[in-house]
C-alpha atoms as a PDB file:
ATOM      1  CA  MET A   1    -180.464 133.591  41.532  1.00  0.00           C
ATOM      2  CA  PHE A   2    -179.131 133.702  45.120  1.00  0.00           C
ATOM      3  CA  ILE A   3    -180.321 136.623  47.470  1.00  0.00           C
ATOM      4  CA  ARG A   4    -178.430 136.522  50.833  1.00  0.00           C
ATOM      5  CA  GLN A   5    -180.691 136.824  53.966  1.00  0.00           C
ATOM      6  CA  ASN A   6    -180.283 140.651  54.787  1.00  0.00           C
ATOM      7  CA  GLU A   7    -180.874 141.602  51.173  1.00  0.00           C
ATOM      8  CA  LYS A   8    -184.146 139.348  50.914  1.00  0.00           C
ATOM      9  CA  SER A   9    -184.964 141.146  54.182  1.00  0.00           C
ATOM     10  CA  GLY A  10    -184.803 144.314  52.668  1.00  0.00           C
ATOM     11  CA  ILE A  11    -187.070 143.253  49.593  1.00  0.00           C
ATOM     12  CA  ASP A  12    -189.664 142.023  52.092  1.00  0.00           C
ATOM     13  CA  ASN A  13    -189.448 145.384  54.165  1.00  0.00           C
ATOM     14  CA  ARG A  14    -189.997 147.128  50.807  1.00  0.00           C
ATOM     15  CA  ILE A  15    -193.174 145.100  49.672  1.00  0.00           C
ATOM     16  CA  LYS A  16    -194.739 145.655  52.804  1.00  0.00           C
ATOM     17  CA  LYS A  17    -194.187 149.135  52.569  1.00  0.00           C
ATOM     18  CA  MET A  18    -195.259 149.431  49.244  1.00  0.00           C
ATOM     19  CA  LEU A  19    -198.375 147.513  50.606  1.00  0.00           C
ATOM     20  CA  PHE A  20    -199.279 150.013  53.213  1.00  0.00           C
ATOM     21  CA  TYR A  21    -199.188 152.492  51.356  1.00  0.00           C
ATOM     22  CA  PHE A  22    -201.547 151.093  48.335  1.00  0.00           C
ATOM     23  CA  LEU A  23    -203.884 150.150  51.353  1.00  0.00           C
ATOM     24  CA  ALA A  24    -203.592 153.950  52.710  1.00  0.00           C
ATOM     25  CA  GLY A  25    -204.258 155.368  49.375  1.00  0.00           C
ATOM     26  CA  LEU A  26    -207.011 152.868  48.397  1.00  0.00           C
ATOM     27  CA  LEU A  27    -209.013 153.090  51.895  1.00  0.00           C
ATOM     28  CA  GLY A  28    -207.714 156.147  53.420  1.00  0.00           C
ATOM     29  CA  GLY A  29    -211.161 157.837  52.860  1.00  0.00           C
ATOM     30  CA  CYS A  30    -213.103 155.321  53.693  1.00  0.00           C
ATOM     31  CA  VAL A  31    -214.937 154.549  57.243  1.00  0.00           C
ATOM     32  CA  SER A  32    -213.374 151.295  58.410  1.00  0.00           C
ATOM     33  CA  SER A  33    -215.517 148.580  60.941  1.00  0.00           C
ATOM     34  CA  LEU A  34    -214.522 145.954  63.179  1.00  0.00           C
ATOM     35  CA  HIS A  35    -217.693 143.621  61.939  1.00  0.00           C
ATOM     36  CA  PRO A  36    -219.101 143.021  58.768  1.00  0.00           C
ATOM     37  CA  LEU A  37    -222.071 144.027  57.582  1.00  0.00           C
ATOM     38  CA  TYR A  38    -223.542 140.597  56.593  1.00  0.00           C
ATOM     39  CA  THR A  39    -224.774 137.545  58.120  1.00  0.00           C
ATOM     40  CA  ASP A  40    -225.180 134.493  55.786  1.00  0.00           C
ATOM     41  CA  LYS A  41    -228.770 135.237  54.779  1.00  0.00           C
ATOM     42  CA  ASP A  42    -227.639 138.633  53.492  1.00  0.00           C
ATOM     43  CA  ILE A  43    -224.926 137.046  50.738  1.00  0.00           C
ATOM     44  CA  VAL A  44    -225.372 136.892  47.222  1.00  0.00           C
ATOM     45  CA  PHE A  45    -223.584 136.270  44.415  1.00  0.00           C
ATOM     46  CA  GLU A  46    -224.064 137.853  40.874  1.00  0.00           C
ATOM     47  CA  GLU A  47    -221.954 136.494  37.757  1.00  0.00           C
ATOM     48  CA  LYS A  48    -222.090 139.563  35.807  1.00  0.00           C
ATOM     49  CA  LEU A  49    -219.821 141.067  38.588  1.00  0.00           C
ATOM     50  CA  LEU A  50    -217.146 138.817  38.126  1.00  0.00           C
ATOM     51  CA  GLY A  51    -214.454 139.794  35.454  1.00  0.00           C
ATOM     52  CA  ASP A  52    -211.560 142.714  34.911  1.00  0.00           C
ATOM     53  CA  TRP A  53    -212.323 146.141  35.376  1.00  0.00           C
ATOM     54  CA  LYS A  54    -211.100 149.481  35.248  1.00  0.00           C
ATOM     55  CA  VAL A  55    -211.771 152.493  36.943  1.00  0.00           C
ATOM     56  CA  ASP A  56    -209.655 156.014  36.952  1.00  0.00           C
ATOM     57  CA  ASP A  57    -205.965 154.429  37.384  1.00  0.00           C
ATOM     58  CA  GLN A  58    -207.064 151.307  39.036  1.00  0.00           C
ATOM     59  CA  LYS A  59    -207.580 147.998  37.728  1.00  0.00           C
ATOM     60  CA  TRP A  60    -210.570 146.010  40.443  1.00  0.00           C
ATOM     61  CA  GLU A  61    -210.092 141.728  39.374  1.00  0.00           C
ATOM     62  CA  PHE A  62    -213.222 140.049  40.833  1.00  0.00           C
ATOM     63  CA  GLU A  63    -212.937 136.138  40.432  1.00  0.00           C
ATOM     64  CA  LYS A  64    -214.776 133.414  42.444  1.00  0.00           C
ATOM     65  CA  GLY A  65    -213.365 133.306  46.295  1.00  0.00           C
ATOM     66  CA  ALA A  66    -212.842 130.339  47.972  1.00  0.00           C
ATOM     67  CA  ASP A  67    -215.967 130.409  50.029  1.00  0.00           C
ATOM     68  CA  PRO A  68    -219.487 129.714  48.909  1.00  0.00           C
ATOM     69  CA  ASN A  69    -221.085 132.954  47.103  1.00  0.00           C
ATOM     70  CA  SER A  70    -217.659 135.050  47.896  1.00  0.00           C
ATOM     71  CA  TYR A  71    -215.284 137.453  45.431  1.00  0.00           C
ATOM     72  CA  LYS A  72    -211.943 137.195  45.771  1.00  0.00           C
ATOM     73  CA  LEU A  73    -210.917 140.772  44.638  1.00  0.00           C
ATOM     74  CA  ILE A  74    -207.332 142.400  43.726  1.00  0.00           C
ATOM     75  CA  VAL A  75    -207.107 145.682  42.855  1.00  0.00           C
ATOM     76  CA  THR A  76    -203.977 147.178  41.057  1.00  0.00           C
ATOM     77  CA  ASP A  77    -202.863 150.578  41.016  1.00  0.00           C
ATOM     78  CA  ASN A  78    -199.788 153.161  40.544  1.00  0.00           C
ATOM     79  CA  HIS A  79    -198.489 152.082  43.896  1.00  0.00           C
ATOM     80  CA  GLY A  80    -198.925 148.156  44.172  1.00  0.00           C
ATOM     81  CA  LYS A  81    -201.508 145.631  44.076  1.00  0.00           C
ATOM     82  CA  GLY A  82    -203.910 144.359  47.340  1.00  0.00           C
ATOM     83  CA  SER A  83    -205.824 141.222  48.011  1.00  0.00           C
ATOM     84  CA  PHE A  84    -209.298 141.504  49.528  1.00  0.00           C
ATOM     85  CA  HIS A  85    -212.455 138.786  50.457  1.00  0.00           C
ATOM     86  CA  THR A  86    -215.229 140.259  48.981  1.00  0.00           C
ATOM     87  CA  HIS A  87    -218.919 139.899  49.526  1.00  0.00           C
ATOM     88  CA  LEU A  88    -221.837 141.346  47.819  1.00  0.00           C
ATOM     89  CA  VAL A  89    -224.810 141.912  50.466  1.00  0.00           C
ATOM     90  CA  LYS A  90    -228.565 142.629  49.795  1.00  0.00           C
ATOM     91  CA  ILE A  91    -230.175 144.989  52.696  1.00  0.00           C
ATOM     92  CA  ASP A  92    -233.817 145.311  51.925  1.00  0.00           C
ATOM     93  CA  ASP A  93    -233.248 146.246  47.971  1.00  0.00           C
ATOM     94  CA  MET A  94    -229.868 148.105  48.556  1.00  0.00           C
ATOM     95  CA  LEU A  95    -226.515 146.167  47.456  1.00  0.00           C
ATOM     96  CA  PHE A  96    -223.430 146.885  49.214  1.00  0.00           C
ATOM     97  CA  LEU A  97    -219.607 145.255  48.975  1.00  0.00           C
ATOM     98  CA  ASP A  98    -217.875 144.282  52.001  1.00  0.00           C
ATOM     99  CA  MET A  99    -214.284 144.400  51.453  1.00  0.00           C
ATOM    100  CA  TYR A 100    -211.857 142.908  53.955  1.00  0.00           C
ATOM    101  CA  ALA A 101    -208.171 143.020  53.356  1.00  0.00           C
ATOM    102  CA  SER A 102    -206.278 139.708  53.160  1.00  0.00           C
ATOM    103  CA  ASN A 103    -202.648 139.195  53.913  1.00  0.00           C
ATOM    104  CA  PRO A 104    -200.665 138.135  50.324  1.00  0.00           C
ATOM    105  CA  GLU A 105    -198.719 135.182  50.740  1.00  0.00           C
ATOM    106  CA  GLU A 106    -195.977 137.089  49.878  1.00  0.00           C
ATOM    107  CA  LEU A 107    -195.901 139.064  52.612  1.00  0.00           C
ATOM    108  CA  LYS A 108    -194.076 136.648  55.379  1.00  0.00           C
ATOM    109  CA  SER A 109    -193.968 138.609  58.821  1.00  0.00           C
ATOM    110  CA  CYS A 110    -193.257 137.957  62.494  1.00  0.00           C
ATOM    111  CA  GLU A 111    -196.064 137.011  64.732  1.00  0.00           C
ATOM    112  CA  LEU A 112    -195.543 139.741  67.110  1.00  0.00           C
ATOM    113  CA  TRP A 113    -196.238 142.298  63.790  1.00  0.00           C
ATOM    114  CA  GLU A 114    -199.342 140.081  62.725  1.00  0.00           C
ATOM    115  CA  PHE A 115    -200.501 140.452  66.319  1.00  0.00           C
ATOM    116  CA  HIS A 116    -200.400 144.090  66.158  1.00  0.00           C
ATOM    117  CA  ILE A 117    -202.482 144.700  62.670  1.00  0.00           C
ATOM    118  CA  LEU A 118    -206.413 144.982  63.192  1.00  0.00           C
ATOM    119  CA  PRO A 119    -208.274 143.455  59.992  1.00  0.00           C
ATOM    120  CA  VAL A 120    -211.380 145.975  59.101  1.00  0.00           C
ATOM    121  CA  HIS A 121    -214.125 145.459  56.958  1.00  0.00           C
ATOM    122  CA  THR A 122    -215.240 148.815  54.344  1.00  0.00           C
ATOM    123  CA  PHE A 123    -218.448 149.468  53.090  1.00  0.00           C
ATOM    124  CA  TRP A 124    -219.262 150.448  49.219  1.00  0.00           C
ATOM    125  CA  LYS A 125    -223.070 151.227  47.853  1.00  0.00           C
ATOM    126  CA  VAL A 126    -223.682 149.330  44.709  1.00  0.00           C
ATOM    127  CA  GLU A 127    -225.414 151.656  42.746  1.00  0.00           C
ATOM    128  CA  GLN A 128    -225.819 149.642  39.726  1.00  0.00           C
ATOM    129  CA  LEU A 129    -223.697 145.984  38.131  1.00  0.00           C
ATOM    130  CA  GLU A 130    -224.760 146.392  34.690  1.00  0.00           C
ATOM    131  CA  PRO A 131    -223.992 147.206  32.044  1.00  0.00           C
ATOM    132  CA  ALA A 132    -220.692 148.046  34.082  1.00  0.00           C
ATOM    133  CA  PRO A 133    -220.878 148.338  38.332  1.00  0.00           C
ATOM    134  CA  LYS A 134    -220.927 151.762  39.569  1.00  0.00           C
ATOM    135  CA  ILE A 135    -220.020 152.112  43.518  1.00  0.00           C
ATOM    136  CA  ARG A 136    -219.615 154.662  45.909  1.00  0.00           C
ATOM    137  CA  ALA A 137    -217.552 154.457  48.868  1.00  0.00           C
ATOM    138  CA  MET A 138    -218.616 155.935  52.693  1.00  0.00           C
ATOM    139  CA  ASN A 139    -217.076 159.303  53.055  1.00  0.00           C
ATOM    140  CA  ALA A 140    -214.997 159.548  56.054  1.00  0.00           C
ATOM    141  CA  ASP A 141    -215.378 163.240  56.378  1.00  0.00           C
ATOM    142  CA  ARG A 142    -219.095 163.268  55.911  1.00  0.00           C
ATOM    143  CA  MET A 143    -219.166 160.319  58.792  1.00  0.00           C
ATOM    144  CA  GLY A 144    -216.533 162.279  60.846  1.00  0.00           C
ATOM    145  CA  LYS A 145    -219.309 165.440  60.593  1.00  0.00           C
ATOM    146  CA  MET A 146    -222.272 163.265  61.842  1.00  0.00           C
ATOM    147  CA  LEU A 147    -220.676 161.813  64.421  1.00  0.00           C
ATOM    148  CA  LYS A 148    -219.567 164.993  65.654  1.00  0.00           C
ATOM    149  CA  THR A 149    -223.156 166.178  65.831  1.00  0.00           C
ATOM    150  CA  ASP A 150    -224.363 163.303  67.310  1.00  0.00           C
ATOM    151  CA  PRO A 151    -221.818 160.962  68.730  1.00  0.00           C
ATOM    152  CA  ASN A 152    -224.102 158.481  69.962  1.00  0.00           C
ATOM    153  CA  LEU A 153    -225.483 158.250  66.000  1.00  0.00           C
ATOM    154  CA  ILE A 154    -223.554 154.714  65.836  1.00  0.00           C
ATOM    155  CA  GLU A 155    -221.135 153.136  68.007  1.00  0.00           C
ATOM    156  CA  HIS A 156    -217.356 153.868  67.197  1.00  0.00           C
ATOM    157  CA  GLU A 157    -213.975 154.755  67.714  1.00  0.00           C
ATOM    158  CA  VAL A 158    -211.501 157.577  66.605  1.00  0.00           C
ATOM    159  CA  LEU A 159    -207.959 156.813  65.959  1.00  0.00           C
ATOM    160  CA  GLU A 160    -204.890 158.805  66.899  1.00  0.00           C
ATOM    161  CA  ASP A 161    -204.836 159.581  63.162  1.00  0.00           C
ATOM    162  CA  ASP A 162    -208.513 160.717  63.130  1.00  0.00           C
ATOM    163  CA  ARG A 163    -209.763 157.394  61.315  1.00  0.00           C
ATOM    164  CA  ILE A 164    -213.434 156.588  62.209  1.00  0.00           C
ATOM    165  CA  VAL A 165    -213.427 152.708  62.848  1.00  0.00           C
ATOM    166  CA  LEU A 166    -217.237 151.851  63.515  1.00  0.00           C
ATOM    167  CA  THR A 167    -217.546 149.348  66.425  1.00  0.00           C
ATOM    168  CA  ALA A 168    -221.477 148.563  66.055  1.00  0.00           C
ATOM    169  CA  SER A 169    -222.761 145.165  65.664  1.00  0.00           C
ATOM    170  CA  THR A 170    -223.558 143.879  62.148  1.00  0.00           C
ATOM    171  CA  GLU A 171    -227.280 144.480  62.914  1.00  0.00           C
ATOM    172  CA  GLU A 172    -226.664 148.179  64.136  1.00  0.00           C
ATOM    173  CA  LEU A 173    -224.548 148.325  60.791  1.00  0.00           C
ATOM    174  CA  GLN A 174    -227.469 147.160  58.683  1.00  0.00           C
ATOM    175  CA  LYS A 175    -229.875 149.410  60.553  1.00  0.00           C
ATOM    176  CA  PHE A 176    -227.610 152.663  59.879  1.00  0.00           C
ATOM    177  CA  MET A 177    -227.374 151.736  56.256  1.00  0.00           C
ATOM    178  CA  VAL A 178    -231.221 151.589  55.876  1.00  0.00           C
ATOM    179  CA  LYS A 179    -231.518 155.107  57.484  1.00  0.00           C
ATOM    180  CA  HIS A 180    -228.315 156.632  55.616  1.00  0.00           C
ATOM    181  CA  ALA A 181    -227.903 154.957  52.403  1.00  0.00           C
ATOM    182  CA  ASP A 182    -229.566 157.616  50.243  1.00  0.00           C
ATOM    183  CA  ASP A 183    -227.151 160.110  51.887  1.00  0.00           C
ATOM    184  CA  GLU A 184    -224.941 161.299  48.751  1.00  0.00           C
ATOM    185  CA  GLU A 185    -222.909 163.058  51.346  1.00  0.00           C
ATOM    186  CA  LEU A 186    -222.191 159.996  53.260  1.00  0.00           C
ATOM    187  CA  PHE A 187    -221.128 158.093  50.122  1.00  0.00           C
ATOM    188  CA  GLY A 188    -219.074 159.782  47.874  1.00  0.00           C
ATOM    189  CA  ASP A 189    -218.698 160.680  43.913  1.00  0.00           C
ATOM    190  CA  VAL A 190    -219.880 157.646  41.770  1.00  0.00           C
ATOM    191  CA  MET A 191    -217.033 155.346  40.458  1.00  0.00           C
ATOM    192  CA  GLU A 192    -218.161 154.285  36.915  1.00  0.00           C
ATOM    193  CA  PHE A 193    -216.174 150.782  35.797  1.00  0.00           C
ATOM    194  CA  GLU A 194    -215.623 150.131  32.133  1.00  0.00           C
ATOM    195  CA  ARG A 195    -214.837 146.509  31.656  1.00  0.00           C
ATOM    196  CA  LEU A 196    -211.300 145.551  29.892  1.00  0.00           C
ATOM    197  CA  LYS A 197    -211.767 143.868  26.876  1.00  0.00           C
ATOM    198  CA  ILE A 198    -210.720 140.062  27.179  1.00  0.00           C
ATOM    199  CA  LYS A 199    -209.258 138.624  24.201  1.00  0.00           C
ATOM    200  CA  ASP A 200    -211.283 135.542  22.557  1.00  0.00           C
ATOM    201  CA  ALA A 201    -209.195 132.810  22.356  1.00  0.00           C
ATOM    202  CA  ASN A 202    -210.331 131.956  18.535  1.00  0.00           C
ATOM    203  CA  GLU A 203    -209.434 135.910  17.673  1.00  0.00           C
ATOM    204  CA  PRO A 204    -206.802 135.851  15.241  1.00  0.00           C
ATOM    205  CA  ASN A 205    -203.613 137.720  15.759  1.00  0.00           C
ATOM    206  CA  GLU A 206    -203.385 141.143  14.260  1.00  0.00           C
ATOM    207  CA  PRO A 207    -201.138 140.917  11.533  1.00  0.00           C
ATOM    208  CA  LYS A 208    -197.170 141.710  11.899  1.00  0.00           C
ATOM    209  CA  THR A 209    -196.548 145.249  10.137  1.00  0.00           C
ATOM    210  CA  LYS A 210    -193.517 144.954   8.284  1.00  0.00           C
ATOM    211  CA  ASP A 211    -190.972 147.348   9.068  1.00  0.00           C
ATOM    212  CA  PRO A 212    -189.908 149.861   5.667  1.00  0.00           C
ATOM    213  CA  ASN A 213    -186.500 149.253   6.559  1.00  0.00           C
ATOM    214  CA  GLU A 214    -186.368 145.313   6.575  1.00  0.00           C
ATOM    215  CA  SER A 215    -185.429 143.985   3.387  1.00  0.00           C
END
């Protein structure tokens, strides 16, 4: 099917807008960070996290990532689909997810536009991995109150839209997590995942019900 250039541009813009609102909905209530939560020695890999999971109206698909001991996470909701470079991080005896948005290949944008987009990390506390994952996202409202009480709590910036971006080093981020990981207000409600059933290749197809109107 032939698509004229202006039509293709319009389609691309709609895809970009859909991805923007998707990421805003998914990460809008989270706290962003310029730096990762991990160094190489902190990364762990658990096969049990792989697979397709459902939580609320979202689908999370964990695959093995291109980098060693990494995951490719694809999250789908009612607004669209987003892809994330994800690592499972172990600090002391606690587990966290470090998610970093990746640019889908179908989104081709100009170099100037890409220069103005700043990639950030988000952190999620992992309560358990089996029999199904339970995780908590960092609560931006609670973080904001903590920083208002003590602006020197951790290095950060507040953007024009009141979004908090942590600018602390990985070392300082880890110290903060160790100190505040048990704050149930800082890490929001538990997201309880349910594994989506994967059909066994050897499982027979369900018999087709005959239409009573068929002769």
